[in-house]
């Protein structure tokens, strides 16, 4: 009994329906398709899952930047006797 979108629209066109009702059905199908895409994107852009995925890389980058900053700052305060 499940008809595809195209078959459903074609069966509705064969009946004496108003063109506005047909457009509403097409828009409704478009909105439902867009809703599924938004839910899929929302799952992809979830902050908790992204943090879990990239936590190791981010912590390595932050620790490397901290180490290099500390090393550079220490170099400013140490004196070289040859200068």
N, C-alpha and C. Protein backbone atom coordinates (compact mmCIF):
# COMPACT_ATOMS: atom_id res chain seq x y z
N UNK A 1 0.82 -1.19 0.00
CA UNK A 1 0.00 0.00 0.00
C UNK A 1 0.86 1.26 0.00
N UNK A 2 2.15 1.06 0.28
CA UNK A 2 3.04 2.21 0.31
C UNK A 2 3.37 2.63 -1.12
N UNK A 3 3.01 3.83 -1.45
CA UNK A 3 3.31 4.37 -2.77
C UNK A 3 4.54 5.26 -2.67
N UNK A 4 5.31 5.29 -3.75
CA UNK A 4 6.43 6.21 -3.80
C UNK A 4 5.91 7.62 -3.96
N UNK A 5 6.81 8.59 -3.75
CA UNK A 5 6.42 10.00 -3.86
C UNK A 5 5.87 10.32 -5.24
N UNK A 6 6.57 9.85 -6.25
CA UNK A 6 6.16 10.16 -7.62
C UNK A 6 4.81 9.53 -7.93
N UNK A 7 4.61 8.29 -7.48
CA UNK A 7 3.33 7.61 -7.73
C UNK A 7 2.21 8.29 -6.97
N UNK A 8 2.48 8.72 -5.76
CA UNK A 8 1.46 9.39 -4.97
C UNK A 8 1.05 10.71 -5.60
N UNK A 9 2.03 11.48 -6.04
CA UNK A 9 1.73 12.76 -6.68
C UNK A 9 0.99 12.53 -7.98
N UNK A 10 1.40 11.50 -8.73
CA UNK A 10 0.73 11.22 -10.01
C UNK A 10 -0.71 10.78 -9.78
N UNK A 11 -0.94 9.99 -8.74
CA UNK A 11 -2.31 9.57 -8.46
C UNK A 11 -3.16 10.75 -8.00
N UNK A 12 -2.54 11.70 -7.30
CA UNK A 12 -3.28 12.88 -6.87
C UNK A 12 -3.57 13.82 -8.03
N UNK A 13 -2.67 13.87 -9.00
CA UNK A 13 -2.88 14.74 -10.14
C UNK A 13 -4.04 14.22 -10.98
N UNK A 14 -4.18 12.89 -11.05
CA UNK A 14 -5.26 12.32 -11.87
C UNK A 14 -6.63 12.63 -11.27
N UNK A 15 -6.69 12.87 -9.98
CA UNK A 15 -7.95 13.25 -9.34
C UNK A 15 -8.13 14.76 -9.49
N UNK A 16 -9.34 15.23 -9.44
CA UNK A 16 -9.57 16.68 -9.58
C UNK A 16 -9.20 17.45 -8.30
N UNK A 17 -7.90 17.60 -8.06
CA UNK A 17 -7.44 18.34 -6.89
C UNK A 17 -7.01 19.74 -7.32
N UNK A 18 -7.03 20.59 -6.38
CA UNK A 18 -6.58 21.94 -6.63
C UNK A 18 -5.06 21.96 -6.73
N UNK A 19 -4.51 22.79 -7.58
CA UNK A 19 -3.06 22.83 -7.76
C UNK A 19 -2.34 23.26 -6.48
N UNK A 20 -3.03 24.02 -5.65
CA UNK A 20 -2.41 24.42 -4.38
C UNK A 20 -2.19 23.24 -3.45
N UNK A 21 -3.11 22.28 -3.47
CA UNK A 21 -2.95 21.09 -2.64
C UNK A 21 -1.78 20.26 -3.13
N UNK A 22 -1.59 20.18 -4.43
CA UNK A 22 -0.48 19.42 -4.98
C UNK A 22 0.84 20.09 -4.61
N UNK A 23 0.89 21.41 -4.72
CA UNK A 23 2.10 22.12 -4.32
C UNK A 23 2.39 21.96 -2.83
N UNK A 24 1.32 21.95 -2.03
CA UNK A 24 1.50 21.76 -0.58
C UNK A 24 2.09 20.38 -0.29
N UNK A 25 1.63 19.37 -1.01
CA UNK A 25 2.18 18.03 -0.83
C UNK A 25 3.65 17.98 -1.24
N UNK A 26 3.99 18.63 -2.33
CA UNK A 26 5.38 18.65 -2.75
C UNK A 26 6.25 19.38 -1.74
N UNK A 27 5.77 20.49 -1.22
CA UNK A 27 6.53 21.24 -0.21
C UNK A 27 6.69 20.44 1.08
N UNK A 28 5.62 19.73 1.45
CA UNK A 28 5.67 18.91 2.66
C UNK A 28 6.75 17.83 2.52
N UNK A 29 6.79 17.19 1.36
CA UNK A 29 7.81 16.17 1.12
C UNK A 29 9.21 16.79 1.15
N UNK A 30 9.34 17.99 0.61
CA UNK A 30 10.62 18.69 0.64
C UNK A 30 11.05 19.02 2.07
N UNK A 31 10.10 19.46 2.88
CA UNK A 31 10.39 19.81 4.28
C UNK A 31 10.80 18.56 5.06
N UNK A 32 10.13 17.44 4.82
CA UNK A 32 10.49 16.21 5.53
C UNK A 32 11.89 15.75 5.13
N UNK A 33 12.24 15.89 3.85
CA UNK A 33 13.59 15.54 3.41
C UNK A 33 14.63 16.45 4.03
N UNK A 34 14.31 17.74 4.12
CA UNK A 34 15.23 18.70 4.71
C UNK A 34 15.39 18.43 6.21
N UNK A 35 14.32 18.04 6.86
CA UNK A 35 14.37 17.75 8.29
C UNK A 35 15.33 16.59 8.57
N UNK A 36 15.28 15.57 7.72
CA UNK A 36 16.19 14.44 7.91
C UNK A 36 17.65 14.87 7.72
N UNK A 37 17.89 15.75 6.75
CA UNK A 37 19.26 16.23 6.53
C UNK A 37 19.74 17.06 7.71
N UNK A 38 18.86 17.87 8.28
CA UNK A 38 19.23 18.69 9.44
C UNK A 38 19.55 17.82 10.64
N UNK A 39 18.74 16.78 10.86
CA UNK A 39 19.01 15.88 11.98
C UNK A 39 20.33 15.14 11.79
N UNK A 40 20.65 14.78 10.55
CA UNK A 40 21.92 14.12 10.27
C UNK A 40 23.09 15.08 10.52
N UNK A 41 22.93 16.33 10.10
CA UNK A 41 23.99 17.33 10.31
C UNK A 41 24.14 17.65 11.79
N UNK A 42 23.04 17.67 12.51
CA UNK A 42 23.09 17.94 13.95
C UNK A 42 23.89 16.86 14.67
N UNK A 43 23.74 15.62 14.24
CA UNK A 43 24.52 14.54 14.82
C UNK A 43 25.99 14.66 14.50
N UNK A 44 26.31 15.14 13.30
CA UNK A 44 27.70 15.32 12.90
C UNK A 44 28.34 16.47 13.65
N UNK A 45 27.60 17.52 13.92
CA UNK A 45 28.15 18.72 14.55
C UNK A 45 27.99 18.73 16.07
N UNK A 46 27.68 17.59 16.65
CA UNK A 46 27.50 17.51 18.10
C UNK A 46 28.84 17.78 18.80
N UNK A 47 28.82 18.71 19.74
CA UNK A 47 30.06 19.15 20.40
C UNK A 47 30.69 18.02 21.21
N UNK A 48 29.91 17.26 21.94
CA UNK A 48 30.47 16.20 22.79
C UNK A 48 31.19 15.14 21.96
N UNK A 49 30.58 14.73 20.87
CA UNK A 49 31.23 13.70 20.06
C UNK A 49 32.48 14.25 19.37
N UNK A 50 32.46 15.51 18.96
CA UNK A 50 33.65 16.11 18.36
C UNK A 50 34.78 16.25 19.37
N UNK A 51 34.44 16.60 20.61
CA UNK A 51 35.46 16.73 21.65
C UNK A 51 36.08 15.37 21.93
N UNK A 52 35.26 14.33 22.04
CA UNK A 52 35.79 13.00 22.28
C UNK A 52 36.70 12.55 21.14
N UNK A 53 36.33 12.89 19.92
CA UNK A 53 37.10 12.46 18.76
C UNK A 53 38.44 13.17 18.68
N UNK A 54 38.48 14.45 18.96
CA UNK A 54 39.67 15.26 18.73
C UNK A 54 40.39 15.68 20.01
N UNK A 55 40.08 15.08 21.13
CA UNK A 55 40.67 15.49 22.41
C UNK A 55 42.18 15.25 22.44
N UNK A 56 42.63 14.12 21.97
CA UNK A 56 44.06 13.81 22.03
C UNK A 56 44.86 14.78 21.17
N UNK A 57 44.42 15.02 19.95
CA UNK A 57 45.14 15.94 19.07
C UNK A 57 45.17 17.35 19.61
N UNK A 58 44.03 17.81 20.13
CA UNK A 58 43.96 19.17 20.68
C UNK A 58 44.86 19.31 21.90
N UNK A 59 44.88 18.30 22.76
CA UNK A 59 45.73 18.39 23.95
C UNK A 59 47.21 18.36 23.57
N UNK A 60 47.57 17.61 22.54
CA UNK A 60 48.97 17.61 22.09
C UNK A 60 49.37 18.96 21.53
N UNK A 61 48.50 19.59 20.76
CA UNK A 61 48.81 20.90 20.20
C UNK A 61 48.94 21.94 21.31
N UNK A 62 48.03 21.94 22.25
CA UNK A 62 48.08 22.92 23.34
C UNK A 62 49.33 22.71 24.20
N UNK A 63 49.67 21.47 24.48
CA UNK A 63 50.86 21.23 25.29
C UNK A 63 52.13 21.63 24.53
N UNK A 64 52.18 21.40 23.21
CA UNK A 64 53.35 21.81 22.42
C UNK A 64 53.48 23.33 22.39
N UNK A 65 52.37 24.03 22.23
CA UNK A 65 52.41 25.50 22.23
C UNK A 65 52.86 26.01 23.59
N UNK A 66 52.37 25.41 24.66
CA UNK A 66 52.78 25.81 26.01
C UNK A 66 54.25 25.56 26.25
N UNK A 67 54.74 24.42 25.81
CA UNK A 67 56.16 24.10 25.98
C UNK A 67 57.04 25.08 25.22
N UNK A 68 56.68 25.35 23.96
CA UNK A 68 57.49 26.27 23.15
C UNK A 68 57.42 27.70 23.69
N UNK A 69 56.27 28.10 24.19
CA UNK A 69 56.15 29.44 24.78
C UNK A 69 57.00 29.56 26.03
N UNK A 70 56.98 28.55 26.87
CA UNK A 70 57.80 28.55 28.08
C UNK A 70 59.28 28.53 27.76
N UNK A 71 59.65 27.76 26.76
CA UNK A 71 61.05 27.71 26.36
C UNK A 71 61.49 29.07 25.83
N UNK A 72 60.67 29.73 25.03
CA UNK A 72 61.01 31.05 24.51
C UNK A 72 61.07 32.10 25.59
N UNK A 73 60.13 32.04 26.53
CA UNK A 73 60.11 33.00 27.63
C UNK A 73 61.33 32.82 28.53
N UNK A 74 61.71 31.58 28.75
CA UNK A 74 62.91 31.32 29.56
C UNK A 74 64.16 31.83 28.85
N UNK A 75 64.19 31.75 27.54
CA UNK A 75 65.34 32.23 26.78
C UNK A 75 65.49 33.75 26.89
N UNK A 76 64.38 34.44 27.08
CA UNK A 76 64.45 35.90 27.26
C UNK A 76 65.15 36.29 28.57
N UNK A 77 64.97 35.49 29.61
CA UNK A 77 65.50 35.85 30.92
C UNK A 77 66.85 35.21 31.23
N UNK A 78 67.33 34.36 30.38
CA UNK A 78 68.66 33.82 30.61
C UNK A 78 69.67 34.65 29.84
N UNK A 79 70.81 34.81 30.42
CA UNK A 79 71.82 35.65 29.77
C UNK A 79 72.87 34.78 29.11
N UNK A 80 73.31 35.23 27.98
CA UNK A 80 74.38 34.53 27.27
C UNK A 80 75.68 35.32 27.54
N UNK A 81 76.69 34.65 28.03
CA UNK A 81 77.92 35.36 28.42
C UNK A 81 78.73 35.82 27.22
N UNK A 82 78.45 35.32 26.02
CA UNK A 82 79.19 35.71 24.84
C UNK A 82 78.69 37.02 24.22
N UNK A 83 77.56 37.51 24.60
CA UNK A 83 76.99 38.71 23.96
C UNK A 83 77.54 39.97 24.50
